C-alpha atoms as a PDB file:
ATOM      1  CA  MET A   1       9.714 -46.766  57.458  1.00  0.00           C
ATOM      2  CA  ILE A   2       8.700 -46.378  53.749  1.00  0.00           C
ATOM      3  CA  GLY A   3       9.484 -43.275  51.769  1.00  0.00           C
ATOM      4  CA  ALA A   4       8.504 -42.148  48.308  1.00  0.00           C
ATOM      5  CA  TYR A   5      11.073 -42.154  45.522  1.00  0.00           C
ATOM      6  CA  VAL A   6      10.040 -39.461  42.970  1.00  0.00           C
ATOM      7  CA  TYR A   7      10.940 -39.799  39.273  1.00  0.00           C
ATOM      8  CA  GLY A   8       9.178 -36.868  37.820  1.00  0.00           C
ATOM      9  CA  ILE A   9       6.274 -34.397  37.652  1.00  0.00           C
ATOM     10  CA  VAL A  10       3.439 -35.320  35.203  1.00  0.00           C
ATOM     11  CA  PRO A  11       0.004 -33.878  34.411  1.00  0.00           C
ATOM     12  CA  ALA A  12      -2.621 -34.771  36.981  1.00  0.00           C
ATOM     13  CA  ARG A  13      -4.635 -37.922  36.183  1.00  0.00           C
ATOM     14  CA  THR A  14      -1.834 -39.338  34.097  1.00  0.00           C
ATOM     15  CA  PRO A  15      -2.064 -43.207  34.322  1.00  0.00           C
ATOM     16  CA  ALA A  16       1.117 -44.904  35.407  1.00  0.00           C
ATOM     17  CA  PRO A  17       2.470 -47.127  32.492  1.00  0.00           C
ATOM     18  CA  ALA A  18       1.067 -50.596  33.143  1.00  0.00           C
ATOM     19  CA  ASP A  19       3.311 -53.025  35.014  1.00  0.00           C
ATOM     20  CA  LEU A  20       6.030 -50.362  35.471  1.00  0.00           C
ATOM     21  CA  THR A  21       8.397 -51.218  38.256  1.00  0.00           C
ATOM     22  CA  GLY A  22      10.783 -48.780  39.920  1.00  0.00           C
ATOM     23  CA  ILE A  23      13.587 -48.985  42.375  1.00  0.00           C
ATOM     24  CA  ASP A  24      13.856 -52.440  44.034  1.00  0.00           C
ATOM     25  CA  GLY A  25      11.164 -53.691  41.720  1.00  0.00           C
ATOM     26  CA  ARG A  26       8.397 -51.734  43.509  1.00  0.00           C
ATOM     27  CA  SER A  27       5.293 -50.682  41.528  1.00  0.00           C
ATOM     28  CA  CYS A  28       5.173 -47.117  40.286  1.00  0.00           C
ATOM     29  CA  GLN A  29       2.156 -45.011  40.744  1.00  0.00           C
ATOM     30  CA  VAL A  30       0.972 -41.481  39.999  1.00  0.00           C
ATOM     31  CA  THR A  31       0.171 -39.705  43.262  1.00  0.00           C
ATOM     32  CA  GLY A  32      -0.128 -36.387  45.116  1.00  0.00           C
ATOM     33  CA  SER A  33      -2.305 -34.704  42.537  1.00  0.00           C
ATOM     34  CA  CYS A  34      -2.356 -30.938  43.056  1.00  0.00           C
ATOM     35  CA  GLY A  35      -4.314 -28.907  40.554  1.00  0.00           C
ATOM     36  CA  ALA A  36      -2.952 -29.704  37.147  1.00  0.00           C
ATOM     37  CA  ILE A  37       0.102 -31.795  38.246  1.00  0.00           C
ATOM     38  CA  ALA A  38       1.006 -34.977  40.001  1.00  0.00           C
ATOM     39  CA  ALA A  39       4.130 -37.047  40.646  1.00  0.00           C
ATOM     40  CA  ILE A  40       5.244 -40.545  39.542  1.00  0.00           C
ATOM     41  CA  VAL A  41       6.678 -42.404  42.516  1.00  0.00           C
ATOM     42  CA  SER A  42       7.465 -45.764  43.937  1.00  0.00           C
ATOM     43  CA  PRO A  43       7.841 -46.846  47.591  1.00  0.00           C
ATOM     44  CA  THR A  44      11.385 -47.168  48.957  1.00  0.00           C
ATOM     45  CA  PRO A  45      12.722 -47.799  52.444  1.00  0.00           C
ATOM     46  CA  ALA A  46      13.647 -44.524  54.100  1.00  0.00           C
ATOM     47  CA  GLY A  47      17.404 -44.292  54.447  1.00  0.00           C
ATOM     48  CA  ARG A  48      18.009 -46.918  51.684  1.00  0.00           C
ATOM     49  CA  PRO A  49      21.282 -46.032  50.057  1.00  0.00           C
ATOM     50  CA  LEU A  50      20.988 -45.162  46.429  1.00  0.00           C
ATOM     51  CA  GLY A  51      23.498 -44.899  43.676  1.00  0.00           C
ATOM     52  CA  THR A  52      24.140 -48.215  42.080  1.00  0.00           C
ATOM     53  CA  ALA A  53      24.287 -48.529  38.266  1.00  0.00           C
ATOM     54  CA  GLY A  54      21.093 -50.517  38.505  1.00  0.00           C
ATOM     55  CA  ASP A  55      19.376 -47.612  40.427  1.00  0.00           C
ATOM     56  CA  LEU A  56      20.492 -45.135  37.822  1.00  0.00           C
ATOM     57  CA  ARG A  57      19.240 -47.431  34.999  1.00  0.00           C
ATOM     58  CA  THR A  58      15.867 -47.979  36.680  1.00  0.00           C
ATOM     59  CA  HIS A  59      15.401 -44.143  37.183  1.00  0.00           C
ATOM     60  CA  ALA A  60      16.038 -43.601  33.557  1.00  0.00           C
ATOM     61  CA  ARG A  61      13.796 -46.386  32.417  1.00  0.00           C
ATOM     62  CA  VAL A  62      10.871 -45.208  34.431  1.00  0.00           C
ATOM     63  CA  VAL A  63      11.264 -41.593  33.237  1.00  0.00           C
ATOM     64  CA  GLU A  64      11.512 -42.771  29.593  1.00  0.00           C
ATOM     65  CA  ALA A  65       8.513 -44.951  29.906  1.00  0.00           C
ATOM     66  CA  ALA A  66       6.421 -42.170  31.345  1.00  0.00           C
ATOM     67  CA  ALA A  67       7.596 -39.842  28.618  1.00  0.00           C
ATOM     68  CA  ARG A  68       6.290 -42.107  25.926  1.00  0.00           C
ATOM     69  CA  SER A  69       2.680 -41.388  27.051  1.00  0.00           C
ATOM     70  CA  SER A  70       2.899 -37.983  28.751  1.00  0.00           C
ATOM     71  CA  ALA A  71       4.760 -34.844  29.337  1.00  0.00           C
ATOM     72  CA  ILE A  72       7.195 -35.143  32.217  1.00  0.00           C
ATOM     73  CA  LEU A  73       9.532 -33.014  34.226  1.00  0.00           C
ATOM     74  CA  PRO A  74      12.215 -35.542  35.210  1.00  0.00           C
ATOM     75  CA  LEU A  75      13.667 -35.123  38.749  1.00  0.00           C
ATOM     76  CA  GLN A  76      17.344 -35.601  39.380  1.00  0.00           C
ATOM     77  CA  PHE A  77      18.271 -39.131  40.405  1.00  0.00           C
ATOM     78  CA  GLY A  78      17.871 -39.807  44.122  1.00  0.00           C
ATOM     79  CA  ALA A  79      14.963 -37.621  45.056  1.00  0.00           C
ATOM     80  CA  VAL A  80      13.307 -39.389  48.036  1.00  0.00           C
ATOM     81  CA  MET A  81      10.549 -37.854  50.277  1.00  0.00           C
ATOM     82  CA  ALA A  82       9.085 -39.018  53.542  1.00  0.00           C
ATOM     83  CA  ASP A  83       5.811 -40.334  51.982  1.00  0.00           C
ATOM     84  CA  ASN A  84       3.160 -39.509  49.470  1.00  0.00           C
ATOM     85  CA  ASP A  85       1.675 -36.802  51.650  1.00  0.00           C
ATOM     86  CA  ALA A  86       5.049 -35.066  51.649  1.00  0.00           C
ATOM     87  CA  VAL A  87       5.263 -35.226  47.895  1.00  0.00           C
ATOM     88  CA  HIS A  88       1.984 -33.324  47.776  1.00  0.00           C
ATOM     89  CA  ALA A  89       2.704 -30.795  50.587  1.00  0.00           C
ATOM     90  CA  GLU A  90       6.391 -30.149  50.039  1.00  0.00           C
ATOM     91  CA  LEU A  91       6.979 -30.616  46.365  1.00  0.00           C
ATOM     92  CA  LEU A  92       3.758 -30.173  44.335  1.00  0.00           C
ATOM     93  CA  GLU A  93       1.738 -27.690  46.256  1.00  0.00           C
ATOM     94  CA  PRO A  94       4.435 -24.971  46.655  1.00  0.00           C
ATOM     95  CA  TYR A  95       5.450 -25.076  42.969  1.00  0.00           C
ATOM     96  CA  GLN A  96       2.233 -26.176  41.223  1.00  0.00           C
ATOM     97  CA  GLU A  97       1.977 -23.101  39.008  1.00  0.00           C
ATOM     98  CA  GLU A  98       5.552 -23.202  38.002  1.00  0.00           C
ATOM     99  CA  PHE A  99       5.496 -27.012  37.315  1.00  0.00           C
ATOM    100  CA  ALA A 100       2.242 -26.709  35.382  1.00  0.00           C
ATOM    101  CA  ASP A 101       3.604 -23.972  33.220  1.00  0.00           C
ATOM    102  CA  ARG A 102       6.743 -25.932  32.343  1.00  0.00           C
ATOM    103  CA  LEU A 103       4.766 -29.087  31.564  1.00  0.00           C
ATOM    104  CA  ALA A 104       2.540 -27.118  29.211  1.00  0.00           C
ATOM    105  CA  ARG A 105       5.598 -25.917  27.382  1.00  0.00           C
ATOM    106  CA  LEU A 106       7.084 -29.424  27.174  1.00  0.00           C
ATOM    107  CA  ARG A 107       3.805 -31.031  25.893  1.00  0.00           C
ATOM    108  CA  GLU A 108       4.309 -32.959  22.605  1.00  0.00           C
ATOM    109  CA  CYS A 109       8.030 -32.379  22.555  1.00  0.00           C
ATOM    110  CA  ASP A 110      11.030 -34.711  22.966  1.00  0.00           C
ATOM    111  CA  GLN A 111      14.728 -34.093  23.514  1.00  0.00           C
ATOM    112  CA  PHE A 112      17.267 -35.092  20.899  1.00  0.00           C
ATOM    113  CA  THR A 113      20.967 -34.940  21.626  1.00  0.00           C
ATOM    114  CA  VAL A 114      23.468 -34.320  18.849  1.00  0.00           C
ATOM    115  CA  LYS A 115      27.077 -35.276  19.297  1.00  0.00           C
ATOM    116  CA  GLY A 116      29.836 -34.711  16.858  1.00  0.00           C
ATOM    117  CA  ARG A 117      33.435 -35.939  17.088  1.00  0.00           C
ATOM    118  CA  TYR A 118      36.262 -35.140  14.732  1.00  0.00           C
ATOM    119  CA  GLU A 119      37.570 -38.006  12.643  1.00  0.00           C
ATOM    120  CA  GLY A 120      41.177 -38.865  13.601  1.00  0.00           C
ATOM    121  CA  ASP A 121      43.470 -35.804  13.642  1.00  0.00           C
ATOM    122  CA  VAL A 122      41.360 -33.826  11.066  1.00  0.00           C
ATOM    123  CA  ALA A 123      40.819 -30.782  13.287  1.00  0.00           C
ATOM    124  CA  LEU A 124      44.578 -30.539  13.938  1.00  0.00           C
ATOM    125  CA  ARG A 125      45.423 -30.804  10.313  1.00  0.00           C
ATOM    126  CA  GLU A 126      42.836 -28.140   9.429  1.00  0.00           C
ATOM    127  CA  VAL A 127      44.210 -25.586  11.959  1.00  0.00           C
ATOM    128  CA  VAL A 128      47.723 -26.166  10.727  1.00  0.00           C
ATOM    129  CA  ALA A 129      46.619 -25.649   7.129  1.00  0.00           C
ATOM    130  CA  GLU A 130      44.440 -22.631   7.952  1.00  0.00           C
ATOM    131  CA  GLU A 131      46.713 -20.696  10.459  1.00  0.00           C
ATOM    132  CA  PRO A 132      49.863 -19.423   8.768  1.00  0.00           C
ATOM    133  CA  ASP A 133      51.460 -18.504  12.151  1.00  0.00           C
ATOM    134  CA  ILE A 134      50.942 -21.968  13.448  1.00  0.00           C
ATOM    135  CA  ARG A 135      52.352 -23.523  10.216  1.00  0.00           C
ATOM    136  CA  ARG A 136      55.442 -21.237  10.255  1.00  0.00           C
ATOM    137  CA  LEU A 137      56.285 -21.832  13.889  1.00  0.00           C
ATOM    138  CA  SER A 138      55.817 -25.532  13.494  1.00  0.00           C
ATOM    139  CA  GLU A 139      58.167 -25.580  10.540  1.00  0.00           C
ATOM    140  CA  ARG A 140      60.698 -23.433  12.412  1.00  0.00           C
ATOM    141  CA  LEU A 141      60.771 -25.904  15.371  1.00  0.00           C
ATOM    142  CA  ARG A 142      60.782 -29.022  13.366  1.00  0.00           C
ATOM    143  CA  ASP A 143      64.567 -29.648  13.319  1.00  0.00           C
ATOM    144  CA  ARG A 144      65.528 -28.032  16.658  1.00  0.00           C
ATOM    145  CA  ASP A 145      66.576 -30.137  19.627  1.00  0.00           C
ATOM    146  CA  GLU A 146      64.187 -30.553  22.588  1.00  0.00           C
ATOM    147  CA  VAL A 147      66.016 -28.061  24.907  1.00  0.00           C
ATOM    148  CA  ALA A 148      66.298 -25.357  22.215  1.00  0.00           C
ATOM    149  CA  SER A 149      62.598 -25.748  21.162  1.00  0.00           C
ATOM    150  CA  ARG A 150      60.971 -25.967  24.610  1.00  0.00           C
ATOM    151  CA  GLY A 151      59.767 -22.438  24.751  1.00  0.00           C
ATOM    152  CA  GLY A 152      58.642 -22.545  21.126  1.00  0.00           C
ATOM    153  CA  ASN A 153      56.765 -25.766  21.615  1.00  0.00           C
ATOM    154  CA  ILE A 154      54.868 -24.287  24.646  1.00  0.00           C
ATOM    155  CA  GLN A 155      53.934 -21.352  22.409  1.00  0.00           C
ATOM    156  CA  LEU A 156      52.881 -23.596  19.601  1.00  0.00           C
ATOM    157  CA  GLY A 157      50.743 -25.767  21.901  1.00  0.00           C
ATOM    158  CA  GLU A 158      48.934 -22.659  23.179  1.00  0.00           C
ATOM    159  CA  MET A 159      48.348 -21.392  19.659  1.00  0.00           C
ATOM    160  CA  VAL A 160      47.044 -24.773  18.559  1.00  0.00           C
ATOM    161  CA  ALA A 161      44.741 -24.978  21.628  1.00  0.00           C
ATOM    162  CA  ARG A 162      43.235 -21.664  20.872  1.00  0.00           C
ATOM    163  CA  ALA A 163      42.645 -22.367  17.216  1.00  0.00           C
ATOM    164  CA  LEU A 164      41.094 -25.720  18.057  1.00  0.00           C
ATOM    165  CA  GLU A 165      38.721 -24.020  20.470  1.00  0.00           C
ATOM    166  CA  CYS A 166      37.695 -21.482  17.872  1.00  0.00           C
ATOM    167  CA  LYS A 167      37.101 -24.330  15.338  1.00  0.00           C
ATOM    168  CA  ARG A 168      34.893 -26.221  17.853  1.00  0.00           C
ATOM    169  CA  GLU A 169      32.796 -23.064  18.556  1.00  0.00           C
ATOM    170  CA  ALA A 170      32.424 -22.483  14.824  1.00  0.00           C
ATOM    171  CA  ASP A 171      31.392 -26.188  14.174  1.00  0.00           C
ATOM    172  CA  ALA A 172      28.966 -26.092  17.051  1.00  0.00           C
ATOM    173  CA  GLU A 173      27.473 -22.856  15.612  1.00  0.00           C
ATOM    174  CA  VAL A 174      26.922 -24.726  12.271  1.00  0.00           C
ATOM    175  CA  VAL A 175      24.974 -27.432  14.137  1.00  0.00           C
ATOM    176  CA  ALA A 176      22.909 -24.861  15.882  1.00  0.00           C
ATOM    177  CA  GLU A 177      22.073 -22.924  12.683  1.00  0.00           C
ATOM    178  CA  ALA A 178      21.244 -26.209  10.814  1.00  0.00           C
ATOM    179  CA  LEU A 179      18.907 -27.484  13.506  1.00  0.00           C
ATOM    180  CA  ALA A 180      17.495 -24.535  15.516  1.00  0.00           C
ATOM    181  CA  GLU A 181      14.660 -23.894  13.098  1.00  0.00           C
ATOM    182  CA  HIS A 182      13.238 -27.341  13.783  1.00  0.00           C
ATOM    183  CA  ALA A 183      13.519 -27.038  17.611  1.00  0.00           C
ATOM    184  CA  ALA A 184      11.737 -25.060  20.330  1.00  0.00           C
ATOM    185  CA  ALA A 185      14.899 -24.704  22.462  1.00  0.00           C
ATOM    186  CA  MET A 186      18.510 -25.898  22.599  1.00  0.00           C
ATOM    187  CA  ALA A 187      21.226 -26.267  25.204  1.00  0.00           C
ATOM    188  CA  GLU A 188      24.936 -26.930  24.811  1.00  0.00           C
ATOM    189  CA  HIS A 189      26.906 -29.457  26.918  1.00  0.00           C
ATOM    190  CA  PRO A 190      30.380 -28.156  27.672  1.00  0.00           C
ATOM    191  CA  SER A 191      33.090 -30.568  26.941  1.00  0.00           C
ATOM    192  CA  GLU A 192      36.941 -30.486  27.266  1.00  0.00           C
ATOM    193  CA  ALA A 193      37.567 -33.531  25.209  1.00  0.00           C
ATOM    194  CA  PRO A 194      39.750 -32.483  22.320  1.00  0.00           C
ATOM    195  CA  ASP A 195      37.932 -34.558  19.695  1.00  0.00           C
ATOM    196  CA  VAL A 196      34.443 -33.122  20.489  1.00  0.00           C
ATOM    197  CA  ALA A 197      33.104 -30.854  17.763  1.00  0.00           C
ATOM    198  CA  ALA A 198      29.633 -30.406  19.278  1.00  0.00           C
ATOM    199  CA  ASP A 199      27.509 -31.775  22.027  1.00  0.00           C
ATOM    200  CA  MET A 200      24.034 -30.175  22.088  1.00  0.00           C
ATOM    201  CA  ALA A 201      20.588 -30.997  23.204  1.00  0.00           C
ATOM    202  CA  PHE A 202      17.504 -29.908  21.280  1.00  0.00           C
ATOM    203  CA  LEU A 203      13.821 -29.775  22.412  1.00  0.00           C
ATOM    204  CA  VAL A 204      11.982 -30.764  19.361  1.00  0.00           C
ATOM    205  CA  PRO A 205       8.130 -30.612  18.915  1.00  0.00           C
ATOM    206  CA  ARG A 206       6.850 -33.967  17.645  1.00  0.00           C
ATOM    207  CA  ALA A 207       5.284 -32.188  14.663  1.00  0.00           C
ATOM    208  CA  ARG A 208       8.806 -31.061  13.554  1.00  0.00           C
ATOM    209  CA  GLN A 209      10.649 -34.233  14.296  1.00  0.00           C
ATOM    210  CA  ARG A 210      10.914 -35.431  10.811  1.00  0.00           C
ATOM    211  CA  GLY A 211      12.411 -32.100   9.613  1.00  0.00           C
ATOM    212  CA  PHE A 212      14.851 -32.129  12.490  1.00  0.00           C
ATOM    213  CA  GLU A 213      16.029 -35.704  11.655  1.00  0.00           C
ATOM    214  CA  GLY A 214      16.294 -34.830   8.050  1.00  0.00           C
ATOM    215  CA  ALA A 215      18.518 -31.708   8.736  1.00  0.00           C
ATOM    216  CA  ALA A 216      20.648 -33.723  11.067  1.00  0.00           C
ATOM    217  CA  GLU A 217      21.086 -36.369   8.377  1.00  0.00           C
ATOM    218  CA  ALA A 218      21.996 -33.804   5.810  1.00  0.00           C
ATOM    219  CA  LEU A 219      24.637 -32.248   8.051  1.00  0.00           C
ATOM    220  CA  ALA A 220      26.113 -35.719   8.827  1.00  0.00           C
ATOM    221  CA  HIS A 221      26.342 -36.361   5.142  1.00  0.00           C
ATOM    222  CA  GLN A 222      28.006 -32.936   4.564  1.00  0.00           C
ATOM    223  CA  TRP A 223      30.654 -33.653   7.278  1.00  0.00           C
ATOM    224  CA  GLN A 224      31.238 -37.349   6.214  1.00  0.00           C
ATOM    225  CA  GLY A 225      34.903 -38.015   6.720  1.00  0.00           C
ATOM    226  CA  ARG A 226      35.434 -34.913   8.853  1.00  0.00           C
ATOM    227  CA  ILE A 227      33.036 -35.066  11.833  1.00  0.00           C
ATOM    228  CA  ARG A 228      31.120 -38.160  12.888  1.00  0.00           C
ATOM    229  CA  LEU A 229      27.702 -36.920  13.908  1.00  0.00           C
ATOM    230  CA  ARG A 230      25.441 -38.996  16.204  1.00  0.00           C
ATOM    231  CA  LEU A 231      21.772 -38.357  16.913  1.00  0.00           C
ATOM    232  CA  VAL A 232      20.277 -39.776  20.160  1.00  0.00           C
ATOM    233  CA  GLY A 233      16.607 -39.657  20.886  1.00  0.00           C
ATOM    234  CA  PRO A 234      13.773 -39.208  21.353  1.00  0.00           C
ATOM    235  CA  LEU A 235      14.482 -38.775  24.994  1.00  0.00           C
ATOM    236  CA  PRO A 236      12.604 -37.187  28.024  1.00  0.00           C
ATOM    237  CA  PRO A 237      13.473 -33.466  28.288  1.00  0.00           C
ATOM    238  CA  TYR A 238      16.320 -33.842  30.795  1.00  0.00           C
ATOM    239  CA  ASP A 239      18.039 -30.633  29.750  1.00  0.00           C
ATOM    240  CA  PHE A 240      14.886 -28.552  29.595  1.00  0.00           C
ATOM    241  CA  THR A 241      13.315 -28.995  32.994  1.00  0.00           C
ATOM    242  CA  GLN A 242      13.922 -25.367  33.686  1.00  0.00           C
ATOM    243  CA  TRP A 243      12.778 -24.165  30.280  1.00  0.00           C
END
């Protein structure tokens, strides 16, 4: 029995990118048109296990290829329905107004992701220099033996962790303030990695893309040697399907 693997929601009458193949090398098609929307799908055996690295890459490749020529609401990896009729009746028809509204807002927009990582131990050195209480406690514990300093070291670790978190929040706010004027929306990715200064997604209208990239480049130059800033995009609006 053949099911329908769904990659995303697109405007009705959107042509499938030429020669685009999906999971298992099956041809992709735009189907299930319902009012202003349709779905991009490919056939897949019902019950076929999904989840290999190749499957994930194929899903992303199809979504990204479609996004180059059309607005798209990407579906999460692994969305399989019984057949094309089910795509129409169970996915598109019940949500056609909602999906059409979201697609209209995403039209002519791309996602860009901005990731910032502290260079070496720069963040730690900054909080020690900026926080007198941390500096004093660190100096007081420096020459004590391990047993005598255990409680103080725990306290110091907690103080440093709080200060680093405040620094990350402040630096993420700088990114937001620098880039928000060029974007229609933004979303922050939570991260517990100690070297992450910022990890944010921006929905950028194509008419404002040059200004966005210029602002990101200026910030990267400003932070050179302190935070390594990486700009990834344009991408499909993975973080803004609910926007």
